C-alpha atoms as a PDB file:
ATOM      1  CA  MET A   1       0.000   0.000   0.000  1.00  0.00           C
ATOM      2  CA  THR A   2       2.716   2.526   0.907  1.00  0.00           C
ATOM      3  CA  GLN A   3       4.672   1.539  -2.222  1.00  0.00           C
ATOM      4  CA  ASP A   4       1.604   2.575  -4.213  1.00  0.00           C
ATOM      5  CA  ARG A   5       1.578   5.875  -2.338  1.00  0.00           C
ATOM      6  CA  ALA A   6       5.271   6.427  -3.033  1.00  0.00           C
ATOM      7  CA  ALA A   7       4.650   5.726  -6.729  1.00  0.00           C
ATOM      8  CA  ARG A   8       1.734   8.177  -6.752  1.00  0.00           C
ATOM      9  CA  ILE A   9       3.851  10.837  -5.037  1.00  0.00           C
ATOM     10  CA  ARG A  10       6.586  10.282  -7.627  1.00  0.00           C
ATOM     11  CA  ALA A  11       4.107  10.510 -10.517  1.00  0.00           C
ATOM     12  CA  CYS A  12       2.531  13.742  -9.222  1.00  0.00           C
ATOM     13  CA  LEU A  13       5.900  15.421  -8.685  1.00  0.00           C
ATOM     14  CA  GLU A  14       7.299  14.262 -12.031  1.00  0.00           C
ATOM     15  CA  GLN A  15       4.231  15.550 -13.847  1.00  0.00           C
ATOM     16  CA  ARG A  16       4.189  18.909 -12.080  1.00  0.00           C
ATOM     17  CA  PHE A  17       7.916  19.731 -11.867  1.00  0.00           C
ATOM     18  CA  ALA A  18       9.786  17.619 -14.486  1.00  0.00           C
ATOM     19  CA  PRO A  19      12.607  17.216 -11.948  1.00  0.00           C
ATOM     20  CA  LEU A  20      16.231  16.630 -12.800  1.00  0.00           C
ATOM     21  CA  GLU A  21      16.490  14.528  -9.654  1.00  0.00           C
ATOM     22  CA  LEU A  22      13.728  12.911  -7.602  1.00  0.00           C
ATOM     23  CA  VAL A  23      13.948  10.482  -4.700  1.00  0.00           C
ATOM     24  CA  VAL A  24      10.816   9.384  -2.851  1.00  0.00           C
ATOM     25  CA  GLN A  25      11.596   7.313   0.213  1.00  0.00           C
ATOM     26  CA  ASP A  26       8.984   5.456   2.252  1.00  0.00           C
ATOM     27  CA  ASP A  27       9.818   5.993   5.943  1.00  0.00           C
ATOM     28  CA  GLY A  28       6.785   4.060   7.199  1.00  0.00           C
ATOM     29  CA  ALA A  29       8.737   1.171   8.702  1.00  0.00           C
ATOM     30  CA  SER A  30      10.219   3.472  11.319  1.00  0.00           C
ATOM     31  CA  HIS A  31       6.735   4.604  12.383  1.00  0.00           C
ATOM     32  CA  ILE A  32       5.011   1.272  13.032  1.00  0.00           C
ATOM     33  CA  GLY A  33       2.665   1.658  15.981  1.00  0.00           C
ATOM     34  CA  HIS A  34       2.431   5.411  15.465  1.00  0.00           C
ATOM     35  CA  ALA A  35      -1.031   6.935  15.945  1.00  0.00           C
ATOM     36  CA  ASN A  36      -1.303   7.758  12.228  1.00  0.00           C
ATOM     37  CA  GLU A  37       0.253   4.540  10.966  1.00  0.00           C
ATOM     38  CA  GLY A  38      -2.473   4.184   8.301  1.00  0.00           C
ATOM     39  CA  ARG A  39      -1.170   7.292   6.551  1.00  0.00           C
ATOM     40  CA  GLY A  40       2.335   7.316   5.127  1.00  0.00           C
ATOM     41  CA  HIS A  41       5.594   8.865   6.220  1.00  0.00           C
ATOM     42  CA  PHE A  42       7.841   9.883   3.336  1.00  0.00           C
ATOM     43  CA  THR A  43      11.027  11.754   2.507  1.00  0.00           C
ATOM     44  CA  VAL A  44      11.257  13.613  -0.802  1.00  0.00           C
ATOM     45  CA  ARG A  45      14.432  14.976  -2.358  1.00  0.00           C
ATOM     46  CA  ILE A  46      13.739  16.917  -5.534  1.00  0.00           C
ATOM     47  CA  VAL A  47      15.798  19.163  -7.803  1.00  0.00           C
ATOM     48  CA  ALA A  48      13.836  21.111 -10.390  1.00  0.00           C
ATOM     49  CA  PRO A  49      14.118  24.398 -12.288  1.00  0.00           C
ATOM     50  CA  ALA A  50      10.635  25.344 -11.046  1.00  0.00           C
ATOM     51  CA  PHE A  51      12.082  26.068  -7.584  1.00  0.00           C
ATOM     52  CA  ALA A  52      14.443  28.824  -8.777  1.00  0.00           C
ATOM     53  CA  GLY A  53      13.566  32.139  -7.203  1.00  0.00           C
ATOM     54  CA  HIS A  54      11.323  30.585  -4.533  1.00  0.00           C
ATOM     55  CA  GLY A  55      12.134  30.341  -0.849  1.00  0.00           C
ATOM     56  CA  ARG A  56      11.935  27.166   1.212  1.00  0.00           C
ATOM     57  CA  LEU A  57       8.381  27.735   2.451  1.00  0.00           C
ATOM     58  CA  GLU A  58       7.054  28.475  -1.026  1.00  0.00           C
ATOM     59  CA  ARG A  59       8.767  25.366  -2.408  1.00  0.00           C
ATOM     60  CA  HIS A  60       7.068  23.247   0.247  1.00  0.00           C
ATOM     61  CA  ARG A  61       3.731  24.836  -0.594  1.00  0.00           C
ATOM     62  CA  MET A  62       4.308  24.059  -4.272  1.00  0.00           C
ATOM     63  CA  ILE A  63       4.914  20.410  -3.431  1.00  0.00           C
ATOM     64  CA  TYR A  64       1.868  20.218  -1.144  1.00  0.00           C
ATOM     65  CA  ALA A  65      -0.255  21.710  -3.934  1.00  0.00           C
ATOM     66  CA  ALA A  66       1.125  19.212  -6.459  1.00  0.00           C
ATOM     67  CA  LEU A  67       0.207  16.338  -4.140  1.00  0.00           C
ATOM     68  CA  GLY A  68      -3.226  17.833  -3.517  1.00  0.00           C
ATOM     69  CA  GLU A  69      -5.659  15.470  -1.855  1.00  0.00           C
ATOM     70  CA  MET A  70      -2.905  12.983  -1.056  1.00  0.00           C
ATOM     71  CA  MET A  71      -1.722  15.358   1.665  1.00  0.00           C
ATOM     72  CA  GLN A  72      -5.089  15.026   3.399  1.00  0.00           C
ATOM     73  CA  GLN A  73      -5.717  11.317   2.907  1.00  0.00           C
ATOM     74  CA  ASP A  74      -2.488   9.412   2.273  1.00  0.00           C
ATOM     75  CA  VAL A  75       0.413  11.358   3.746  1.00  0.00           C
ATOM     76  CA  HIS A  76       0.891  11.946   7.453  1.00  0.00           C
ATOM     77  CA  ALA A  77       4.472  13.200   7.383  1.00  0.00           C
ATOM     78  CA  LEU A  78       6.562  14.516   4.524  1.00  0.00           C
ATOM     79  CA  SER A  79      10.199  15.515   4.892  1.00  0.00           C
ATOM     80  CA  ILE A  80      11.205  17.695   1.933  1.00  0.00           C
ATOM     81  CA  SER A  81      14.477  18.783   0.381  1.00  0.00           C
ATOM     82  CA  ALA A  82      13.606  20.935  -2.645  1.00  0.00           C
ATOM     83  CA  ARG A  83      16.308  22.734  -4.596  1.00  0.00           C
ATOM     84  CA  SER A  84      16.818  24.424  -7.914  1.00  0.00           C
ATOM     85  CA  PRO A  85      19.569  23.023 -10.184  1.00  0.00           C
ATOM     86  CA  ASP A  86      22.014  25.827  -9.368  1.00  0.00           C
ATOM     87  CA  GLU A  87      21.962  25.156  -5.616  1.00  0.00           C
ATOM     88  CA  GLN A  88      24.512  22.939  -3.920  1.00  0.00           C
ATOM     89  CA  ASP A  89      23.719  20.257  -1.315  1.00  0.00           C
END
């Protein structure tokens, strides 16, 4: 089930941002027994030109918007690293 969610997250972000780099990691195993275990815990690392000129908060909002309803129903926690191509690690 969470693999399906990770694949859906990947598809939404690829469609919206055409990233140069995208890693979607399912962190659910480390949250077994957590109160919101039915909803997923994920880490996203994304590099895309769309983030140029936007601050960290705006980038997160862009990602939340791209995931839309998934943020309400399927995702409990999302750790995000969003950069533009000209930014270093």
